[in-house]
Structure formats: structure tokens, C-alpha cells
C-alpha atoms as a PDB file:
ATOM      1  CA  MET A   1     -51.856 -44.344   6.631  1.00  0.00           C
ATOM      2  CA  ARG A   2     -54.718 -41.752   6.525  1.00  0.00           C
ATOM      3  CA  LEU A   3     -52.829 -39.586   9.106  1.00  0.00           C
ATOM      4  CA  PHE A   4     -49.703 -39.909   6.873  1.00  0.00           C
ATOM      5  CA  ALA A   5     -51.767 -38.566   3.863  1.00  0.00           C
ATOM      6  CA  VAL A   6     -53.109 -35.595   5.956  1.00  0.00           C
ATOM      7  CA  ILE A   7     -49.629 -34.654   7.113  1.00  0.00           C
ATOM      8  CA  LEU A   8     -48.261 -34.957   3.656  1.00  0.00           C
ATOM      9  CA  PHE A   9     -51.079 -32.787   2.367  1.00  0.00           C
ATOM     10  CA  ALA A  10     -50.463 -30.155   4.976  1.00  0.00           C
ATOM     11  CA  LEU A  11     -46.776 -30.094   4.161  1.00  0.00           C
ATOM     12  CA  PHE A  12     -47.243 -29.612   0.478  1.00  0.00           C
ATOM     13  CA  THR A  13     -49.924 -26.976   0.756  1.00  0.00           C
ATOM     14  CA  SER A  14     -48.299 -24.967   3.639  1.00  0.00           C
ATOM     15  CA  THR A  15     -45.892 -23.416   1.227  1.00  0.00           C
ATOM     16  CA  LEU A  16     -48.751 -21.967  -0.826  1.00  0.00           C
ATOM     17  CA  LEU A  17     -50.458 -20.319   2.047  1.00  0.00           C
ATOM     18  CA  THR A  18     -49.731 -16.565   2.608  1.00  0.00           C
ATOM     19  CA  ALA A  19     -50.941 -14.391   5.415  1.00  0.00           C
ATOM     20  CA  GLN A  20     -51.028 -10.887   6.610  1.00  0.00           C
ATOM     21  CA  VAL A  21     -50.060  -9.934  10.102  1.00  0.00           C
ATOM     22  CA  GLY A  22     -51.668  -7.270  12.017  1.00  0.00           C
ATOM     23  CA  ILE A  23     -50.415  -5.723  15.208  1.00  0.00           C
ATOM     24  CA  ASN A  24     -53.253  -3.821  16.919  1.00  0.00           C
ATOM     25  CA  THR A  25     -55.436  -4.415  14.034  1.00  0.00           C
ATOM     26  CA  ASP A  26     -57.714  -7.272  12.914  1.00  0.00           C
ATOM     27  CA  VAL A  27     -57.728  -6.068   9.190  1.00  0.00           C
ATOM     28  CA  PRO A  28     -53.969  -5.553   8.105  1.00  0.00           C
ATOM     29  CA  SER A  29     -53.678  -3.410   4.935  1.00  0.00           C
ATOM     30  CA  ALA A  30     -49.990  -4.830   4.335  1.00  0.00           C
ATOM     31  CA  GLU A  31     -48.226  -8.004   4.900  1.00  0.00           C
ATOM     32  CA  LEU A  32     -47.081  -6.499   8.166  1.00  0.00           C
ATOM     33  CA  ASP A  33     -49.242  -3.587   9.391  1.00  0.00           C
ATOM     34  CA  ILE A  34     -48.478  -2.053  12.878  1.00  0.00           C
ATOM     35  CA  VAL A  35     -51.260   0.256  13.987  1.00  0.00           C
ATOM     36  CA  THR A  36     -50.042   2.553  16.559  1.00  0.00           C
ATOM     37  CA  THR A  37     -51.551   4.771  19.262  1.00  0.00           C
ATOM     38  CA  ASN A  38     -50.023   7.873  20.892  1.00  0.00           C
ATOM     39  CA  THR A  39     -48.386   6.003  23.814  1.00  0.00           C
ATOM     40  CA  GLY A  40     -45.110   7.771  23.597  1.00  0.00           C
ATOM     41  CA  ILE A  41     -43.181   4.597  22.449  1.00  0.00           C
ATOM     42  CA  PRO A  42     -41.973   3.820  18.999  1.00  0.00           C
ATOM     43  CA  ALA A  43     -43.971   1.449  16.759  1.00  0.00           C
ATOM     44  CA  LEU A  44     -40.851  -0.338  15.699  1.00  0.00           C
ATOM     45  CA  GLU A  45     -37.306  -0.802  16.879  1.00  0.00           C
ATOM     46  CA  LEU A  46     -34.481  -2.209  14.839  1.00  0.00           C
ATOM     47  CA  ASN A  47     -31.398  -2.897  16.874  1.00  0.00           C
ATOM     48  CA  PRO A  48     -28.097  -1.258  15.453  1.00  0.00           C
ATOM     49  CA  GLN A  49     -25.789  -3.917  13.937  1.00  0.00           C
ATOM     50  CA  SER A  50     -22.134  -3.454  13.014  1.00  0.00           C
ATOM     51  CA  ALA A  51     -21.720  -5.809  10.018  1.00  0.00           C
ATOM     52  CA  PRO A  52     -24.899  -7.518   8.781  1.00  0.00           C
ATOM     53  CA  VAL A  53     -24.671  -9.809   5.791  1.00  0.00           C
ATOM     54  CA  GLY A  54     -27.030  -8.573   3.085  1.00  0.00           C
ATOM     55  CA  ASN A  55     -28.033 -10.720   0.071  1.00  0.00           C
ATOM     56  CA  GLN A  56     -31.437  -9.494  -1.129  1.00  0.00           C
ATOM     57  CA  THR A  57     -32.674  -5.976  -2.285  1.00  0.00           C
ATOM     58  CA  GLY A  58     -34.909  -4.468   0.279  1.00  0.00           C
ATOM     59  CA  GLN A  59     -33.272  -5.804   3.374  1.00  0.00           C
ATOM     60  CA  LEU A  60     -33.202  -3.118   6.051  1.00  0.00           C
ATOM     61  CA  ALA A  61     -30.573  -2.708   8.866  1.00  0.00           C
ATOM     62  CA  VAL A  62     -29.622   0.076  11.243  1.00  0.00           C
ATOM     63  CA  ILE A  63     -25.809   0.309  11.007  1.00  0.00           C
ATOM     64  CA  GLY A  64     -24.362   2.734  13.447  1.00  0.00           C
ATOM     65  CA  ASP A  65     -26.981   5.657  13.537  1.00  0.00           C
ATOM     66  CA  LYS A  66     -28.140   5.364   9.983  1.00  0.00           C
ATOM     67  CA  LEU A  67     -30.925   3.213   8.304  1.00  0.00           C
ATOM     68  CA  PHE A  68     -29.469   1.233   5.275  1.00  0.00           C
ATOM     69  CA  LEU A  69     -31.137  -0.737   2.389  1.00  0.00           C
ATOM     70  CA  TYR A  70     -29.336  -3.513   0.937  1.00  0.00           C
ATOM     71  CA  ASP A  71     -28.716  -2.884  -2.917  1.00  0.00           C
ATOM     72  CA  ALA A  72     -28.179  -6.354  -4.519  1.00  0.00           C
ATOM     73  CA  THR A  73     -27.450  -4.651  -7.965  1.00  0.00           C
ATOM     74  CA  ARG A  74     -24.629  -2.773  -6.441  1.00  0.00           C
ATOM     75  CA  GLY A  75     -23.660  -5.583  -3.844  1.00  0.00           C
ATOM     76  CA  LYS A  76     -23.619  -3.282  -0.826  1.00  0.00           C
ATOM     77  CA  TRP A  77     -25.541  -1.601   2.023  1.00  0.00           C
ATOM     78  CA  LEU A  78     -26.456   1.921   1.099  1.00  0.00           C
ATOM     79  CA  SER A  79     -28.126   4.567   3.116  1.00  0.00           C
ATOM     80  CA  VAL A  80     -31.941   5.152   2.658  1.00  0.00           C
ATOM     81  CA  GLU A  81     -31.039   8.800   2.398  1.00  0.00           C
ATOM     82  CA  SER A  82     -29.422  10.330  -0.744  1.00  0.00           C
ATOM     83  CA  THR A  83     -27.273  13.450  -0.552  1.00  0.00           C
ATOM     84  CA  PRO A  84     -27.122  15.675  -3.705  1.00  0.00           C
ATOM     85  CA  LEU A  85     -23.809  17.493  -4.674  1.00  0.00           C
ATOM     86  CA  GLN A  86     -24.477  20.550  -6.817  1.00  0.00           C
ATOM     87  CA  PHE A  87     -22.114  22.006  -9.347  1.00  0.00           C
ATOM     88  CA  GLY A  88     -22.425  24.707 -11.933  1.00  0.00           C
ATOM     89  CA  ARG A  89     -20.729  27.529 -13.705  1.00  0.00           C
ATOM     90  CA  ASN A  90     -22.263  30.470 -15.627  1.00  0.00           C
ATOM     91  CA  GLY A  91     -21.233  31.488 -19.225  1.00  0.00           C
ATOM     92  CA  ASP A  92     -19.144  29.656 -21.783  1.00  0.00           C
ATOM     93  CA  VAL A  93     -17.283  26.801 -20.214  1.00  0.00           C
ATOM     94  CA  ASP A  94     -14.378  24.868 -21.703  1.00  0.00           C
ATOM     95  CA  ASN A  95     -11.648  22.903 -20.027  1.00  0.00           C
ATOM     96  CA  GLU A  96     -12.777  24.145 -16.721  1.00  0.00           C
ATOM     97  CA  ARG A  97     -13.932  22.824 -13.274  1.00  0.00           C
ATOM     98  CA  LEU A  98     -17.543  23.256 -12.429  1.00  0.00           C
ATOM     99  CA  ARG A  99     -17.964  25.150  -9.163  1.00  0.00           C
ATOM    100  CA  PHE A 100     -19.269  23.182  -6.234  1.00  0.00           C
ATOM    101  CA  GLY A 101     -22.016  25.017  -4.279  1.00  0.00           C
ATOM    102  CA  GLY A 102     -20.378  28.305  -4.908  1.00  0.00           C
ATOM    103  CA  ASP A 103     -17.103  29.517  -6.414  1.00  0.00           C
ATOM    104  CA  VAL A 104     -14.607  26.546  -5.991  1.00  0.00           C
ATOM    105  CA  ARG A 105     -11.887  26.842  -8.767  1.00  0.00           C
ATOM    106  CA  ASP A 106      -8.992  25.003  -7.396  1.00  0.00           C
ATOM    107  CA  ASN A 107      -8.203  21.399  -8.529  1.00  0.00           C
ATOM    108  CA  SER A 108      -7.319  20.559  -4.864  1.00  0.00           C
ATOM    109  CA  SER A 109     -10.773  21.227  -3.533  1.00  0.00           C
ATOM    110  CA  GLY A 110     -14.313  19.929  -3.884  1.00  0.00           C
ATOM    111  CA  ALA A 111     -17.184  18.373  -1.900  1.00  0.00           C
ATOM    112  CA  LYS A 112     -15.411  16.673   1.067  1.00  0.00           C
ATOM    113  CA  MET A 113     -17.001  13.519   1.949  1.00  0.00           C
ATOM    114  CA  PRO A 114     -17.658  12.805   5.791  1.00  0.00           C
ATOM    115  CA  LEU A 115     -18.294   9.033   5.275  1.00  0.00           C
ATOM    116  CA  ASN A 116     -17.599   6.251   2.989  1.00  0.00           C
ATOM    117  CA  GLY A 117     -20.064   6.274   0.113  1.00  0.00           C
ATOM    118  CA  THR A 118     -21.027   5.525  -3.457  1.00  0.00           C
ATOM    119  CA  ILE A 119     -22.055   7.794  -6.313  1.00  0.00           C
ATOM    120  CA  VAL A 120     -25.289   6.505  -7.572  1.00  0.00           C
ATOM    121  CA  TYR A 121     -26.722   9.222  -9.894  1.00  0.00           C
ATOM    122  CA  VAL A 122     -25.547  11.998 -12.149  1.00  0.00           C
ATOM    123  CA  ALA A 123     -27.565  14.548 -14.005  1.00  0.00           C
ATOM    124  CA  VAL A 124     -26.255  17.525 -16.066  1.00  0.00           C
ATOM    125  CA  GLN A 125     -28.236  20.235 -18.083  1.00  0.00           C
ATOM    126  CA  THR A 126     -26.761  22.979 -20.141  1.00  0.00           C
ATOM    127  CA  ALA A 127     -28.318  26.057 -21.759  1.00  0.00           C
ATOM    128  CA  GLY A 128     -26.563  25.412 -25.182  1.00  0.00           C
ATOM    129  CA  GLY A 129     -23.254  25.336 -26.797  1.00  0.00           C
ATOM    130  CA  VAL A 130     -21.638  22.069 -28.129  1.00  0.00           C
ATOM    131  CA  ALA A 131     -24.171  19.277 -27.696  1.00  0.00           C
ATOM    132  CA  ASP A 132     -21.413  16.404 -27.475  1.00  0.00           C
ATOM    133  CA  LYS A 133     -19.265  18.005 -24.688  1.00  0.00           C
ATOM    134  CA  GLU A 134     -17.583  15.467 -22.316  1.00  0.00           C
ATOM    135  CA  PHE A 135     -17.326  15.772 -18.523  1.00  0.00           C
ATOM    136  CA  ASP A 136     -15.018  13.963 -16.085  1.00  0.00           C
ATOM    137  CA  ILE A 137     -15.994  13.043 -12.399  1.00  0.00           C
ATOM    138  CA  LYS A 138     -12.943  13.519 -10.178  1.00  0.00           C
ATOM    139  CA  ILE A 139     -12.169  12.065  -6.726  1.00  0.00           C
ATOM    140  CA  ASN A 140      -9.339  13.828  -4.912  1.00  0.00           C
ATOM    141  CA  GLY A 141      -8.520  15.859  -8.105  1.00  0.00           C
ATOM    142  CA  THR A 142      -7.871  12.628 -10.230  1.00  0.00           C
ATOM    143  CA  ASP A 143     -10.256  11.467 -12.932  1.00  0.00           C
ATOM    144  CA  VAL A 144     -12.366   8.498 -12.064  1.00  0.00           C
ATOM    145  CA  GLY A 145     -11.535   7.190 -15.423  1.00  0.00           C
ATOM    146  CA  ASP A 146     -13.100   6.106 -18.920  1.00  0.00           C
ATOM    147  CA  SER A 147     -14.391   2.557 -18.217  1.00  0.00           C
ATOM    148  CA  VAL A 148     -16.300   0.277 -20.490  1.00  0.00           C
ATOM    149  CA  ASP A 149     -18.405  -0.567 -17.498  1.00  0.00           C
ATOM    150  CA  PRO A 150     -21.065   2.342 -17.617  1.00  0.00           C
ATOM    151  CA  THR A 151     -21.636   2.055 -13.839  1.00  0.00           C
ATOM    152  CA  LEU A 152     -17.936   2.895 -13.168  1.00  0.00           C
ATOM    153  CA  ASP A 153     -17.373   5.236 -16.018  1.00  0.00           C
ATOM    154  CA  GLY A 154     -16.320   8.596 -14.733  1.00  0.00           C
ATOM    155  CA  ARG A 155     -16.297  10.120 -18.196  1.00  0.00           C
ATOM    156  CA  PHE A 156     -19.554  11.032 -19.804  1.00  0.00           C
ATOM    157  CA  GLU A 157     -20.971  12.867 -22.856  1.00  0.00           C
ATOM    158  CA  LEU A 158     -23.876  15.258 -23.181  1.00  0.00           C
ATOM    159  CA  VAL A 159     -26.643  14.321 -25.695  1.00  0.00           C
ATOM    160  CA  GLY A 160     -28.532  17.407 -26.808  1.00  0.00           C
ATOM    161  CA  GLY A 161     -27.253  19.426 -23.973  1.00  0.00           C
ATOM    162  CA  SER A 162     -28.039  17.093 -21.219  1.00  0.00           C
ATOM    163  CA  PHE A 163     -26.986  13.802 -19.471  1.00  0.00           C
ATOM    164  CA  SER A 164     -28.709  11.644 -16.913  1.00  0.00           C
ATOM    165  CA  TYR A 165     -27.553   8.221 -15.431  1.00  0.00           C
ATOM    166  CA  SER A 166     -28.973   6.458 -12.328  1.00  0.00           C
ATOM    167  CA  ASP A 167     -27.044   3.378 -12.166  1.00  0.00           C
ATOM    168  CA  TYR A 168     -23.563   4.587 -11.151  1.00  0.00           C
ATOM    169  CA  ASN A 169     -21.452   2.531  -8.615  1.00  0.00           C
ATOM    170  CA  ILE A 170     -18.581   4.593  -8.030  1.00  0.00           C
ATOM    171  CA  ASN A 171     -17.030   4.307  -4.454  1.00  0.00           C
ATOM    172  CA  PHE A 172     -15.231   6.932  -2.488  1.00  0.00           C
ATOM    173  CA  ASP A 173     -13.920   7.021   1.047  1.00  0.00           C
ATOM    174  CA  ALA A 174     -14.462   9.268   4.028  1.00  0.00           C
ATOM    175  CA  GLY A 175     -12.171  12.344   3.505  1.00  0.00           C
ATOM    176  CA  ASP A 176     -12.187  12.210  -0.315  1.00  0.00           C
ATOM    177  CA  PHE A 177     -13.341  15.198  -2.202  1.00  0.00           C
ATOM    178  CA  ILE A 178     -15.476  15.048  -5.533  1.00  0.00           C
ATOM    179  CA  SER A 179     -15.577  17.406  -8.200  1.00  0.00           C
ATOM    180  CA  LEU A 180     -16.854  17.544 -11.899  1.00  0.00           C
ATOM    181  CA  GLU A 181     -14.859  19.104 -14.807  1.00  0.00           C
ATOM    182  CA  VAL A 182     -15.782  20.055 -18.283  1.00  0.00           C
ATOM    183  CA  ARG A 183     -13.151  18.402 -20.631  1.00  0.00           C
ATOM    184  CA  ASN A 184     -11.051  20.441 -23.034  1.00  0.00           C
ATOM    185  CA  PRO A 185     -11.907  19.022 -26.464  1.00  0.00           C
ATOM    186  CA  GLY A 186     -14.953  20.193 -28.490  1.00  0.00           C
ATOM    187  CA  GLY A 187     -15.580  23.737 -27.811  1.00  0.00           C
ATOM    188  CA  ASP A 188     -17.628  25.621 -25.076  1.00  0.00           C
ATOM    189  CA  VAL A 189     -20.758  24.542 -23.404  1.00  0.00           C
ATOM    190  CA  GLU A 190     -23.142  27.178 -21.882  1.00  0.00           C
ATOM    191  CA  ASP A 191     -24.073  27.574 -18.347  1.00  0.00           C
ATOM    192  CA  PRO A 192     -23.742  23.853 -17.230  1.00  0.00           C
ATOM    193  CA  ALA A 193     -25.437  22.750 -14.040  1.00  0.00           C
ATOM    194  CA  ALA A 194     -24.977  19.309 -12.581  1.00  0.00           C
ATOM    195  CA  ILE A 195     -26.047  17.277  -9.569  1.00  0.00           C
ATOM    196  CA  ILE A 196     -24.244  14.167  -8.195  1.00  0.00           C
ATOM    197  CA  TRP A 197     -26.231  12.037  -5.816  1.00  0.00           C
ATOM    198  CA  VAL A 198     -24.370  10.018  -3.223  1.00  0.00           C
ATOM    199  CA  LYS A 199     -25.540   7.317  -0.694  1.00  0.00           C
ATOM    200  CA  TRP A 200     -23.420   6.443   2.401  1.00  0.00           C
ATOM    201  CA  ARG A 201     -21.839   3.145   2.165  1.00  0.00           C
ATOM    202  CA  GLN A 202     -21.155   0.327   4.736  1.00  0.00           C
END
């Protein structure tokens, strides 16, 4: 009976124990601390996977040749790296497409995406003009659309000459091109500059 009580006590208390693990160190400074020396071999190796199932934010996986982090809020694997797409235009702008990284004016052009991905963040700043001007995110020349879900809403409005939103979840596919357009109603906006951040998606 005494042995049974000891085993029962060990089972109940083992879930409360926490430990740090150190590799090449007796005093780890994190839950897992790998102290390396210049041996010429990597400190950590993650074997590439083709289709891991993620379920918690913070899970890491190498998929193909990129490092991905699972984003439980968006429900997908997104690359650790972010890629900014810059758009802008000098002068008064109304009902015109912002120019991507140069002087792209055609509706059938924009930033061509090499991989499947997700728009995760958009920021716009203007020098003045109409404070409530609307913009449209476009994929392949077509409006993403005006959605009641703000994470999918491709139409947004400036407040005091600026806009910033970091919870976007707008998917695109490899080969799609992305552009940004100032909408027609409401007068001119001055010197708009925008950045759309994308992450690659698995």
C-alpha cells in the first residue's frame, strides 16, 4: 500500500515538474539551450517535410527549402520571412493605380508572386488631400472585394491620411500579381505610399 501511495504521488506531481535542457551546458538559459563550438557542423537540424499538420502557433517546420511557423490564428503554415511589396505615386491621385516599385500603370500588371502566399499586413501613408480616401487591393487586376470580415477586406479607407492593419489573411497563388488602386469617389489624395507585406504559404 505504501508503494502504491508513492507511485500515485509521483504520477500527480510529475505533471507539475518543469525542467530546462542544456546541450553542451550545465546551466541552460532557456527551456532548450544548445551551446555550440566552432566544429563546422550545424547546431540544429530540422528535416524537411512535405505536408506537416500544424495545430499550435509557434510550431516550426522546414517545408521544401524554407522555414515555416504555424499561425493558428490564420490556420496555416506561413514563412518566417516577410516580403514587402512597395507601391507609390507622386502628386494628386484619384481613381489611379499606385505604381509598384517603379512606374507600372497598366491594369494587367503588378507584383508577380513566385509562390503561394498570404497578404498579412498593409500600411499606407499620404502627404495630405482627402482624409477618407478608399483604396482597393487587387489580385490579377480584380478587386479582392469589400468584406465584412476585416481580415479578408480588400477595400480600406484612410483615417487622417494613413492606414495600417496587421491581421490580413488574404491568400494568393503562385503566378498571381498584386496591385493597389486609389478608388474614384472622394477627391484627390497626395503622394500616397504603401507597403503590402506577404508571407509564403504551404
